[in-house]
Amino acid sequence: MNTHATVLDPTAEDRPAERERCLRPESLAGLTVGLLDISKPRGDVFLDRVEERIGGLGARVKRYTKPTFTKPAPVDLRHEIATTCDAVIEALAD
């Protein structure tokens, strides 16, 4: 199994930053999972279904929405998500 992954930042990076992958939880039961809608069309529809599924796994769900998909999430929104959620799922639907 390949444990190395390259993730590129789409916001004008000159050189990809190397980051360690976070450990994934064994279960979502009892965790708070943030669902971030980046404000693209139908992202909320996708996240509605995700919320149904992970709620059924025993996770507490918190929903967030970026003001616009054309810019990174505001610092205060990122901080709130980072300090209140154990995991995050971001919707990139169109």
C-alpha atoms as a PDB file:
ATOM      1  CA  MET A   1       0.000   0.000   0.000  1.00  0.00           C
ATOM      2  CA  ASN A   2       1.362   3.417  -0.967  1.00  0.00           C
ATOM      3  CA  THR A   3       1.379   5.727   2.067  1.00  0.00           C
ATOM      4  CA  HIS A   4       2.762   8.727   0.183  1.00  0.00           C
ATOM      5  CA  ALA A   5       0.290  11.175  -1.312  1.00  0.00           C
ATOM      6  CA  THR A   6       0.872  14.465  -3.067  1.00  0.00           C
ATOM      7  CA  VAL A   7      -1.790  17.100  -2.484  1.00  0.00           C
ATOM      8  CA  LEU A   8      -1.466  20.319  -4.451  1.00  0.00           C
ATOM      9  CA  ASP A   9      -2.834  23.589  -3.161  1.00  0.00           C
ATOM     10  CA  PRO A  10      -4.832  25.199  -5.987  1.00  0.00           C
ATOM     11  CA  THR A  11      -4.075  28.710  -4.699  1.00  0.00           C
ATOM     12  CA  ALA A  12      -1.002  29.670  -6.729  1.00  0.00           C
ATOM     13  CA  GLU A  13       1.642  27.627  -4.964  1.00  0.00           C
ATOM     14  CA  ASP A  14       5.115  27.735  -6.486  1.00  0.00           C
ATOM     15  CA  ARG A  15       6.362  24.626  -4.689  1.00  0.00           C
ATOM     16  CA  PRO A  16       4.174  21.953  -3.105  1.00  0.00           C
ATOM     17  CA  ALA A  17       4.409  21.937   0.689  1.00  0.00           C
ATOM     18  CA  GLU A  18       5.218  18.598   2.283  1.00  0.00           C
ATOM     19  CA  ARG A  19       2.827  17.682   5.091  1.00  0.00           C
ATOM     20  CA  GLU A  20       2.353  14.537   7.111  1.00  0.00           C
ATOM     21  CA  ARG A  21      -1.046  12.930   6.767  1.00  0.00           C
ATOM     22  CA  CYS A  22      -3.194  13.038   9.882  1.00  0.00           C
ATOM     23  CA  LEU A  23      -4.134   9.730  11.410  1.00  0.00           C
ATOM     24  CA  ARG A  24      -7.687   8.736  10.580  1.00  0.00           C
ATOM     25  CA  PRO A  25      -9.977   7.758  13.438  1.00  0.00           C
ATOM     26  CA  GLU A  26     -10.971   4.100  13.620  1.00  0.00           C
ATOM     27  CA  SER A  27     -14.606   5.137  14.036  1.00  0.00           C
ATOM     28  CA  LEU A  28     -16.676   8.323  13.804  1.00  0.00           C
ATOM     29  CA  ALA A  29     -18.828   7.306  16.789  1.00  0.00           C
ATOM     30  CA  GLY A  30     -18.784  10.067  19.376  1.00  0.00           C
ATOM     31  CA  LEU A  31     -16.723  12.449  17.208  1.00  0.00           C
ATOM     32  CA  THR A  32     -17.743  15.846  15.885  1.00  0.00           C
ATOM     33  CA  VAL A  33     -17.508  15.983  12.102  1.00  0.00           C
ATOM     34  CA  GLY A  34     -17.602  19.343  10.344  1.00  0.00           C
ATOM     35  CA  LEU A  35     -19.180  19.517   6.895  1.00  0.00           C
ATOM     36  CA  LEU A  36     -17.856  22.458   4.887  1.00  0.00           C
ATOM     37  CA  ASP A  37     -19.925  23.653   1.947  1.00  0.00           C
ATOM     38  CA  ILE A  38     -17.660  25.746  -0.295  1.00  0.00           C
ATOM     39  CA  SER A  39     -20.717  27.402  -1.905  1.00  0.00           C
ATOM     40  CA  LYS A  40     -20.600  25.660  -5.271  1.00  0.00           C
ATOM     41  CA  PRO A  41     -23.930  24.620  -6.754  1.00  0.00           C
ATOM     42  CA  ARG A  42     -25.379  21.438  -5.234  1.00  0.00           C
ATOM     43  CA  GLY A  43     -22.645  21.089  -2.609  1.00  0.00           C
ATOM     44  CA  ASP A  44     -25.362  21.352   0.026  1.00  0.00           C
ATOM     45  CA  VAL A  45     -27.262  18.482  -1.605  1.00  0.00           C
ATOM     46  CA  PHE A  46     -24.148  16.309  -1.406  1.00  0.00           C
ATOM     47  CA  LEU A  47     -23.532  17.263   2.231  1.00  0.00           C
ATOM     48  CA  ASP A  48     -27.163  16.554   3.168  1.00  0.00           C
ATOM     49  CA  ARG A  49     -26.606  12.939   2.127  1.00  0.00           C
ATOM     50  CA  VAL A  50     -23.208  12.779   3.843  1.00  0.00           C
ATOM     51  CA  GLU A  51     -24.794  14.109   7.041  1.00  0.00           C
ATOM     52  CA  GLU A  52     -27.418  11.339   6.940  1.00  0.00           C
ATOM     53  CA  ARG A  53     -24.751   8.668   6.531  1.00  0.00           C
ATOM     54  CA  ILE A  54     -22.245   9.821   9.152  1.00  0.00           C
ATOM     55  CA  GLY A  55     -24.990  10.709  11.612  1.00  0.00           C
ATOM     56  CA  GLY A  56     -26.002   7.060  11.346  1.00  0.00           C
ATOM     57  CA  LEU A  57     -22.467   6.110  12.381  1.00  0.00           C
ATOM     58  CA  GLY A  58     -22.843   7.947  15.688  1.00  0.00           C
ATOM     59  CA  ALA A  59     -21.060  11.185  14.792  1.00  0.00           C
ATOM     60  CA  ARG A  60     -22.227  14.645  15.783  1.00  0.00           C
ATOM     61  CA  VAL A  61     -22.389  16.870  12.687  1.00  0.00           C
ATOM     62  CA  LYS A  62     -21.711  20.612  12.448  1.00  0.00           C
ATOM     63  CA  ARG A  63     -22.387  22.422   9.149  1.00  0.00           C
ATOM     64  CA  TYR A  64     -20.310  25.329   7.829  1.00  0.00           C
ATOM     65  CA  THR A  65     -20.452  27.360   4.622  1.00  0.00           C
ATOM     66  CA  LYS A  66     -17.778  29.454   2.955  1.00  0.00           C
ATOM     67  CA  PRO A  67     -18.965  32.871   1.727  1.00  0.00           C
ATOM     68  CA  THR A  68     -17.716  32.087  -1.790  1.00  0.00           C
ATOM     69  CA  PHE A  69     -15.955  29.231  -3.561  1.00  0.00           C
ATOM     70  CA  THR A  70     -13.584  31.642  -5.311  1.00  0.00           C
ATOM     71  CA  LYS A  71     -11.496  32.383  -2.210  1.00  0.00           C
ATOM     72  CA  PRO A  72     -10.063  30.377   0.697  1.00  0.00           C
ATOM     73  CA  ALA A  73     -12.233  30.108   3.793  1.00  0.00           C
ATOM     74  CA  PRO A  74     -11.866  33.105   6.128  1.00  0.00           C
ATOM     75  CA  VAL A  75      -9.402  32.658   8.975  1.00  0.00           C
ATOM     76  CA  ASP A  76     -12.115  32.852  11.657  1.00  0.00           C
ATOM     77  CA  LEU A  77     -14.119  30.110   9.943  1.00  0.00           C
ATOM     78  CA  ARG A  78     -11.055  27.867   9.632  1.00  0.00           C
ATOM     79  CA  HIS A  79     -10.231  28.492  13.294  1.00  0.00           C
ATOM     80  CA  GLU A  80     -13.763  27.624  14.410  1.00  0.00           C
ATOM     81  CA  ILE A  81     -13.725  24.381  12.426  1.00  0.00           C
ATOM     82  CA  ALA A  82     -10.247  23.442  13.673  1.00  0.00           C
ATOM     83  CA  THR A  83     -11.148  24.025  17.317  1.00  0.00           C
ATOM     84  CA  THR A  84     -14.607  22.415  17.359  1.00  0.00           C
ATOM     85  CA  CYS A  85     -14.335  19.424  15.000  1.00  0.00           C
ATOM     86  CA  ASP A  86     -12.486  16.120  15.128  1.00  0.00           C
ATOM     87  CA  ALA A  87     -12.733  15.616  11.356  1.00  0.00           C
ATOM     88  CA  VAL A  88     -13.901  17.626   8.331  1.00  0.00           C
ATOM     89  CA  ILE A  89     -15.508  16.765   5.006  1.00  0.00           C
ATOM     90  CA  GLU A  90     -15.480  19.427   2.313  1.00  0.00           C
ATOM     91  CA  ALA A  91     -18.071  19.478  -0.498  1.00  0.00           C
ATOM     92  CA  LEU A  92     -16.716  20.161  -3.968  1.00  0.00           C
ATOM     93  CA  ALA A  93     -19.873  19.396  -5.959  1.00  0.00           C
ATOM     94  CA  ASP A  94     -21.115  21.279  -9.002  1.00  0.00           C
END
